[in-house]
Amino acid sequence: MDLKGKRIVCGAKSVKKALEREGVSSLWLARDASEEVVAPLRELAERRSVPVDETRTMRELGKAASIEIGSAAVALLK
């Protein structure tokens, strides 16, 4: 998963806003994130027909997004 040079947003709040604006083309949710954090994002993505990948950990998502901490959610913007 290489997100360098691509327009992304990280974190549940930022991803939720992007999904609400219908500006997301792909979504990654960390498999080790709290279900209460990722469930609303998953549901919103399904309503918007955005593909969701839940195979990576918070640490892997943070690294892919070039941030020093883990992230529960990362979205690729349209």
Protein backbone atom coordinates (compact mmCIF):
# COMPACT_ATOMS: atom_id res chain seq x y z
CA MET A 1 0.00 0.00 0.00
CA ASP A 2 1.72 3.14 -1.21
CA LEU A 3 -0.03 6.42 -0.51
CA LYS A 4 2.94 8.73 -1.03
CA GLY A 5 2.07 11.65 -3.25
CA LYS A 6 -1.64 10.90 -3.12
CA ARG A 7 -4.34 13.07 -1.57
CA ILE A 8 -5.40 11.39 1.67
CA VAL A 9 -6.95 12.17 5.02
CA CYS A 10 -6.17 10.35 8.26
CA GLY A 11 -8.12 9.84 11.44
CA ALA A 12 -11.76 9.05 12.11
CA LYS A 13 -13.02 12.64 12.28
CA SER A 14 -11.34 13.78 9.06
CA VAL A 15 -12.37 10.64 7.22
CA LYS A 16 -15.98 11.06 8.36
CA LYS A 17 -16.07 14.62 7.02
CA ALA A 18 -14.62 13.52 3.68
CA LEU A 19 -17.16 10.68 3.41
CA GLU A 20 -20.00 13.08 4.18
CA ARG A 21 -18.79 15.36 1.36
CA GLU A 22 -18.69 12.30 -0.94
CA GLY A 23 -15.05 12.99 -1.67
CA VAL A 24 -13.59 9.54 -0.93
CA SER A 25 -12.64 6.94 -3.53
CA SER A 26 -11.19 4.27 -1.16
CA LEU A 27 -11.19 3.71 2.59
CA TRP A 28 -8.89 1.72 4.85
CA LEU A 29 -10.02 0.87 8.38
CA ALA A 30 -7.59 -0.64 10.88
CA ARG A 31 -8.51 -4.16 11.93
CA ASP A 32 -7.25 -3.47 15.46
CA ALA A 33 -9.12 -0.18 15.93
CA SER A 34 -12.04 0.13 18.31
CA GLU A 35 -15.26 -1.08 16.72
CA GLU A 36 -17.13 1.95 18.06
CA VAL A 37 -14.74 4.18 16.10
CA VAL A 38 -14.75 2.32 12.77
CA ALA A 39 -18.36 1.05 12.63
CA PRO A 40 -19.90 4.45 11.74
CA LEU A 41 -17.26 4.97 9.05
CA ARG A 42 -17.89 1.51 7.59
CA GLU A 43 -21.64 2.15 7.47
CA LEU A 44 -21.22 5.56 5.83
CA ALA A 45 -18.79 4.12 3.27
CA GLU A 46 -21.27 1.36 2.41
CA ARG A 47 -24.04 3.93 1.89
CA ARG A 48 -21.73 5.91 -0.41
CA SER A 49 -20.52 2.77 -2.26
CA VAL A 50 -16.91 3.39 -1.23
CA PRO A 51 -14.72 0.26 -1.15
CA VAL A 52 -13.41 -0.57 2.33
CA ASP A 53 -10.24 -2.52 3.16
CA GLU A 54 -9.87 -3.80 6.74
CA THR A 55 -6.73 -5.92 6.42
CA ARG A 56 -4.15 -3.58 7.95
CA THR A 57 -3.34 -2.50 11.50
CA MET A 58 -3.37 1.02 12.92
CA ARG A 59 0.41 1.06 12.83
CA GLU A 60 0.52 -0.02 9.18
CA LEU A 61 -2.02 2.63 8.19
CA GLY A 62 -0.07 5.33 10.02
CA LYS A 63 3.14 4.29 8.30
CA ALA A 64 1.45 4.20 4.87
CA ALA A 65 0.10 7.70 5.52
CA SER A 66 3.58 8.91 6.55
CA ILE A 67 2.56 9.84 10.08
CA GLU A 68 4.37 8.83 13.24
CA ILE A 69 1.35 7.41 15.05
CA GLY A 70 -1.22 4.79 14.20
CA SER A 71 -4.45 5.68 12.46
CA ALA A 72 -7.83 3.98 12.72
CA ALA A 73 -8.83 5.21 9.27
CA VAL A 74 -7.23 6.52 6.10
CA ALA A 75 -9.18 7.70 3.06
CA LEU A 76 -7.98 8.28 -0.49
CA LEU A 77 -9.63 11.41 -1.82
CA LYS A 78 -11.16 11.73 -5.27
